[in-house]
Amino acid sequence: MQFVARYHLLPGKAPEARKLILEKEKEGMPNAPGWKYLGTYFTSMGLGRFDMEIRSEIENYAAIDAFREDPDSPWMKRVREITKFVDWSRPIDMTILREASEHSALG
């Protein structure tokens, strides 16, 4: 199952955000219990509603609760570093995606 968080960035901050993310990925992204960092992606050629998205694989829904219960974890500190370039005055989007093989049909 994937957890996807999409953000708008502050005007002119995309290059700085990208540089920081690449530096942090080289250091190694810490993972919260039940979470595995998959990567950070930026829209290209202005296509897409958001500027950046962070993707993680999560074991189950309980991993989301565990993530919120430890605001001082290395994972949360890294997320705060990355999201300092987020324009918090604009909406964000968070989505949980499940593979077709692990999901019953909607309805």
N, C-alpha and C. Protein backbone atom coordinates (compact mmCIF):
# COMPACT_ATOMS: atom_id res chain seq x y z
N MET A 1 0.86 -1.15 0.00
CA MET A 1 0.00 0.00 0.00
C MET A 1 0.91 1.22 0.00
N GLN A 2 0.54 2.23 -0.77
CA GLN A 2 1.34 3.47 -0.84
C GLN A 2 0.61 4.63 -0.20
N PHE A 3 1.38 5.47 0.46
CA PHE A 3 0.90 6.72 1.02
C PHE A 3 1.55 7.82 0.20
N VAL A 4 0.75 8.66 -0.42
CA VAL A 4 1.26 9.72 -1.29
C VAL A 4 0.80 11.07 -0.74
N ALA A 5 1.76 11.96 -0.52
CA ALA A 5 1.46 13.32 -0.04
C ALA A 5 1.90 14.30 -1.13
N ARG A 6 0.98 15.16 -1.57
CA ARG A 6 1.26 16.12 -2.65
C ARG A 6 1.18 17.53 -2.11
N TYR A 7 2.12 18.36 -2.57
CA TYR A 7 2.25 19.72 -2.05
C TYR A 7 2.48 20.74 -3.15
N HIS A 8 2.08 21.98 -2.87
CA HIS A 8 2.50 23.13 -3.65
C HIS A 8 3.73 23.70 -2.95
N LEU A 9 4.70 24.15 -3.73
CA LEU A 9 5.90 24.74 -3.15
C LEU A 9 5.80 26.26 -3.15
N LEU A 10 6.56 26.87 -2.25
CA LEU A 10 6.64 28.32 -2.23
C LEU A 10 7.22 28.81 -3.56
N PRO A 11 6.76 29.94 -4.08
CA PRO A 11 7.26 30.44 -5.36
C PRO A 11 8.79 30.54 -5.38
N GLY A 12 9.38 30.00 -6.42
CA GLY A 12 10.83 30.08 -6.62
C GLY A 12 11.65 29.14 -5.77
N LYS A 13 11.02 28.27 -4.97
CA LYS A 13 11.76 27.41 -4.04
C LYS A 13 11.98 25.98 -4.55
N ALA A 14 11.45 25.64 -5.72
CA ALA A 14 11.60 24.28 -6.23
C ALA A 14 13.07 23.87 -6.38
N PRO A 15 13.96 24.72 -6.95
CA PRO A 15 15.36 24.30 -7.06
C PRO A 15 16.02 24.04 -5.70
N GLU A 16 15.71 24.88 -4.73
CA GLU A 16 16.27 24.71 -3.39
C GLU A 16 15.72 23.44 -2.73
N ALA A 17 14.43 23.19 -2.92
CA ALA A 17 13.81 21.99 -2.36
C ALA A 17 14.44 20.74 -2.99
N ARG A 18 14.61 20.75 -4.29
CA ARG A 18 15.21 19.61 -5.00
C ARG A 18 16.62 19.35 -4.49
N LYS A 19 17.42 20.41 -4.33
CA LYS A 19 18.80 20.27 -3.85
C LYS A 19 18.82 19.63 -2.47
N LEU A 20 17.97 20.10 -1.56
CA LEU A 20 17.91 19.55 -0.22
C LEU A 20 17.50 18.08 -0.24
N ILE A 21 16.49 17.76 -1.03
CA ILE A 21 16.00 16.38 -1.09
C ILE A 21 17.09 15.45 -1.61
N LEU A 22 17.80 15.87 -2.64
CA LEU A 22 18.88 15.03 -3.18
C LEU A 22 19.98 14.82 -2.14
N GLU A 23 20.31 15.86 -1.38
CA GLU A 23 21.31 15.73 -0.31
C GLU A 23 20.83 14.74 0.75
N LYS A 24 19.57 14.87 1.16
CA LYS A 24 19.04 14.00 2.21
C LYS A 24 18.92 12.56 1.73
N GLU A 25 18.57 12.37 0.47
CA GLU A 25 18.49 11.01 -0.07
C GLU A 25 19.86 10.36 -0.09
N LYS A 26 20.92 11.13 -0.37
CA LYS A 26 22.29 10.59 -0.35
C LYS A 26 22.66 10.12 1.06
N GLU A 27 22.22 10.88 2.07
CA GLU A 27 22.49 10.52 3.47
C GLU A 27 21.72 9.27 3.87
N GLY A 28 20.63 9.03 3.18
CA GLY A 28 19.75 7.91 3.52
C GLY A 28 18.53 8.42 4.26
N MET A 29 17.39 8.11 3.73
CA MET A 29 16.15 8.56 4.36
C MET A 29 15.77 7.58 5.46
N PRO A 30 15.58 8.06 6.68
CA PRO A 30 15.13 7.16 7.75
C PRO A 30 13.69 6.74 7.49
N ASN A 31 13.33 5.60 7.99
CA ASN A 31 11.97 5.11 7.85
C ASN A 31 11.30 5.01 9.20
N ALA A 32 10.04 5.37 9.26
CA ALA A 32 9.25 5.19 10.48
C ALA A 32 8.82 3.72 10.53
N PRO A 33 8.46 3.20 11.72
CA PRO A 33 7.99 1.81 11.78
C PRO A 33 6.81 1.58 10.83
N GLY A 34 6.97 0.57 9.97
CA GLY A 34 5.91 0.25 9.02
C GLY A 34 5.93 1.08 7.76
N TRP A 35 6.92 1.98 7.62
CA TRP A 35 7.02 2.87 6.46
C TRP A 35 8.33 2.61 5.72
N LYS A 36 8.29 2.76 4.40
CA LYS A 36 9.50 2.71 3.58
C LYS A 36 9.42 3.86 2.59
N TYR A 37 10.38 4.75 2.64
CA TYR A 37 10.43 5.90 1.73
C TYR A 37 10.69 5.40 0.32
N LEU A 38 9.85 5.81 -0.64
CA LEU A 38 10.01 5.41 -2.03
C LEU A 38 10.61 6.50 -2.90
N GLY A 39 10.41 7.76 -2.51
CA GLY A 39 11.01 8.84 -3.29
C GLY A 39 10.16 10.09 -3.27
N THR A 40 10.80 11.15 -3.72
CA THR A 40 10.13 12.44 -3.86
C THR A 40 10.14 12.79 -5.34
N TYR A 41 9.01 13.24 -5.84
CA TYR A 41 8.84 13.51 -7.26
C TYR A 41 8.35 14.93 -7.47
N PHE A 42 8.77 15.54 -8.58
CA PHE A 42 8.33 16.88 -8.95
C PHE A 42 7.59 16.80 -10.28
N THR A 43 6.60 17.67 -10.44
CA THR A 43 5.91 17.71 -11.73
C THR A 43 6.87 18.24 -12.79
N SER A 44 6.58 17.90 -14.01
CA SER A 44 7.44 18.30 -15.13
C SER A 44 6.62 19.06 -16.16
N MET A 45 7.19 20.06 -16.73
CA MET A 45 6.59 20.86 -17.79
C MET A 45 5.25 21.48 -17.36
N GLY A 46 5.08 21.72 -16.07
CA GLY A 46 3.85 22.34 -15.59
C GLY A 46 2.64 21.43 -15.61
N LEU A 47 2.86 20.13 -15.84
CA LEU A 47 1.75 19.19 -15.91
C LEU A 47 1.51 18.59 -14.53
N GLY A 48 0.35 18.80 -13.99
CA GLY A 48 0.01 18.29 -12.68
C GLY A 48 -0.54 19.39 -11.80
N ARG A 49 -1.38 19.01 -10.85
CA ARG A 49 -2.00 20.01 -9.98
C ARG A 49 -1.08 20.44 -8.85
N PHE A 50 -0.09 19.61 -8.48
CA PHE A 50 0.81 19.92 -7.38
C PHE A 50 2.24 19.96 -7.88
N ASP A 51 3.11 20.60 -7.10
CA ASP A 51 4.51 20.74 -7.51
C ASP A 51 5.36 19.53 -7.15
N MET A 52 5.05 18.90 -6.01
CA MET A 52 5.92 17.86 -5.48
C MET A 52 5.07 16.81 -4.78
N GLU A 53 5.54 15.56 -4.82
CA GLU A 53 4.88 14.53 -4.03
C GLU A 53 5.93 13.63 -3.40
N ILE A 54 5.61 13.18 -2.18
CA ILE A 54 6.46 12.25 -1.45
C ILE A 54 5.70 10.93 -1.38
N ARG A 55 6.36 9.84 -1.82
CA ARG A 55 5.73 8.53 -1.82
C ARG A 55 6.41 7.61 -0.80
N SER A 56 5.59 6.89 -0.08
CA SER A 56 6.08 5.90 0.89
C SER A 56 5.24 4.65 0.77
N GLU A 57 5.85 3.53 1.06
CA GLU A 57 5.11 2.28 1.16
C GLU A 57 4.79 2.08 2.64
N ILE A 58 3.56 1.74 2.94
CA ILE A 58 3.19 1.49 4.33
C ILE A 58 2.65 0.07 4.48
N GLU A 59 2.96 -0.56 5.62
CA GLU A 59 2.55 -1.94 5.85
C GLU A 59 1.05 -2.07 6.05
N ASN A 60 0.48 -1.11 6.82
CA ASN A 60 -0.93 -1.19 7.15
C ASN A 60 -1.38 0.17 7.68
N TYR A 61 -2.65 0.28 7.98
CA TYR A 61 -3.19 1.56 8.46
C TYR A 61 -2.63 1.92 9.84
N ALA A 62 -2.29 0.94 10.65
CA ALA A 62 -1.74 1.21 11.98
C ALA A 62 -0.41 1.96 11.88
N ALA A 63 0.31 1.80 10.78
CA ALA A 63 1.58 2.52 10.60
C ALA A 63 1.36 4.03 10.57
N ILE A 64 0.20 4.46 10.10
CA ILE A 64 -0.11 5.89 10.06
C ILE A 64 -0.24 6.42 11.49
N ASP A 65 -0.92 5.67 12.35
CA ASP A 65 -1.05 6.09 13.75
C ASP A 65 0.31 6.13 14.43
N ALA A 66 1.14 5.12 14.20
CA ALA A 66 2.47 5.08 14.81
C ALA A 66 3.31 6.28 14.37
N PHE A 67 3.17 6.66 13.12
CA PHE A 67 3.89 7.80 12.55
C PHE A 67 3.53 9.08 13.29
N ARG A 68 2.24 9.27 13.57
CA ARG A 68 1.78 10.50 14.23
C ARG A 68 2.11 10.52 15.72
N GLU A 69 2.30 9.36 16.32
CA GLU A 69 2.54 9.29 17.76
C GLU A 69 3.95 9.69 18.16
N ASP A 70 4.88 9.76 17.21
CA ASP A 70 6.26 10.10 17.55
C ASP A 70 6.73 11.29 16.72
N PRO A 71 6.35 12.52 17.12
CA PRO A 71 6.71 13.70 16.32
C PRO A 71 8.20 14.02 16.31
N ASP A 72 8.98 13.38 17.17
CA ASP A 72 10.42 13.65 17.22
C ASP A 72 11.25 12.54 16.59
N SER A 73 10.60 11.61 15.88
CA SER A 73 11.34 10.52 15.24
C SER A 73 12.22 11.07 14.12
N PRO A 74 13.29 10.34 13.77
CA PRO A 74 14.14 10.78 12.65
C PRO A 74 13.35 10.99 11.36
N TRP A 75 12.34 10.13 11.13
CA TRP A 75 11.50 10.26 9.93
C TRP A 75 10.75 11.59 9.94
N MET A 76 10.12 11.92 11.07
CA MET A 76 9.36 13.18 11.16
C MET A 76 10.28 14.39 11.02
N LYS A 77 11.46 14.31 11.60
CA LYS A 77 12.42 15.42 11.46
C LYS A 77 12.80 15.62 9.99
N ARG A 78 13.00 14.52 9.28
CA ARG A 78 13.35 14.61 7.86
C ARG A 78 12.19 15.17 7.05
N VAL A 79 10.98 14.75 7.36
CA VAL A 79 9.80 15.27 6.66
C VAL A 79 9.68 16.78 6.89
N ARG A 80 9.91 17.23 8.12
CA ARG A 80 9.84 18.66 8.40
C ARG A 80 10.91 19.43 7.63
N GLU A 81 12.11 18.86 7.49
CA GLU A 81 13.16 19.51 6.71
C GLU A 81 12.72 19.68 5.25
N ILE A 82 12.18 18.62 4.69
CA ILE A 82 11.78 18.65 3.28
C ILE A 82 10.60 19.59 3.05
N THR A 83 9.65 19.58 3.97
CA THR A 83 8.43 20.36 3.75
C THR A 83 8.55 21.83 4.16
N LYS A 84 9.74 22.27 4.53
CA LYS A 84 9.89 23.70 4.85
C LYS A 84 9.70 24.57 3.60
N PHE A 85 9.73 23.97 2.43
CA PHE A 85 9.53 24.70 1.18
C PHE A 85 8.07 24.65 0.71
N VAL A 86 7.22 24.01 1.49
CA VAL A 86 5.81 23.87 1.12
C VAL A 86 5.06 25.17 1.37
N ASP A 87 4.17 25.51 0.44
CA ASP A 87 3.30 26.66 0.60
C ASP A 87 2.07 26.19 1.37
N TRP A 88 2.10 26.38 2.69
CA TRP A 88 1.03 25.88 3.56
C TRP A 88 -0.25 26.69 3.43
N SER A 89 -0.22 27.80 2.68
CA SER A 89 -1.45 28.57 2.47
C SER A 89 -2.31 27.95 1.36
N ARG A 90 -1.77 26.94 0.67
CA ARG A 90 -2.50 26.27 -0.40
C ARG A 90 -2.84 24.84 0.02
N PRO A 91 -3.85 24.26 -0.59
CA PRO A 91 -4.25 22.90 -0.19
C PRO A 91 -3.15 21.87 -0.45
N ILE A 92 -3.14 20.84 0.36
CA ILE A 92 -2.29 19.68 0.11
C ILE A 92 -3.22 18.50 -0.17
N ASP A 93 -2.64 17.40 -0.62
CA ASP A 93 -3.44 16.21 -0.92
C ASP A 93 -2.69 15.00 -0.39
N MET A 94 -3.40 14.15 0.33
CA MET A 94 -2.82 12.90 0.80
C MET A 94 -3.72 11.77 0.34
N THR A 95 -3.10 10.73 -0.19
CA THR A 95 -3.84 9.62 -0.78
C THR A 95 -3.22 8.30 -0.33
N ILE A 96 -4.05 7.32 -0.09
CA ILE A 96 -3.57 5.96 0.13
C ILE A 96 -3.97 5.14 -1.09
N LEU A 97 -2.99 4.49 -1.69
CA LEU A 97 -3.23 3.66 -2.87
C LEU A 97 -2.96 2.21 -2.53
N ARG A 98 -3.86 1.34 -2.97
CA ARG A 98 -3.66 -0.09 -2.79
C ARG A 98 -3.63 -0.75 -4.15
N GLU A 99 -2.79 -1.77 -4.29
CA GLU A 99 -2.71 -2.50 -5.55
C GLU A 99 -4.04 -3.20 -5.82
N ALA A 100 -4.32 -3.40 -7.08
CA ALA A 100 -5.58 -4.04 -7.47
C ALA A 100 -5.71 -5.42 -6.81
N SER A 101 -4.61 -6.12 -6.66
CA SER A 101 -4.66 -7.47 -6.08
C SER A 101 -5.03 -7.47 -4.60
N GLU A 102 -4.87 -6.35 -3.91
CA GLU A 102 -5.20 -6.29 -2.48
C GLU A 102 -6.42 -5.41 -2.21
N HIS A 103 -7.17 -5.11 -3.22
CA HIS A 103 -8.30 -4.20 -3.07
C HIS A 103 -9.53 -4.79 -3.73
N SER A 104 -10.65 -4.79 -3.01
CA SER A 104 -11.89 -5.24 -3.65
C SER A 104 -12.42 -4.10 -4.51
N ALA A 105 -13.24 -4.43 -5.46
CA ALA A 105 -13.80 -3.42 -6.36
C ALA A 105 -14.58 -2.38 -5.57
N LEU A 106 -14.51 -1.16 -6.01
CA LEU A 106 -15.25 -0.08 -5.35
C LEU A 106 -16.73 -0.28 -5.59
N GLY A 107 -17.53 0.03 -4.61
CA GLY A 107 -18.96 -0.06 -4.84
C GLY A 107 -19.69 -0.57 -3.64
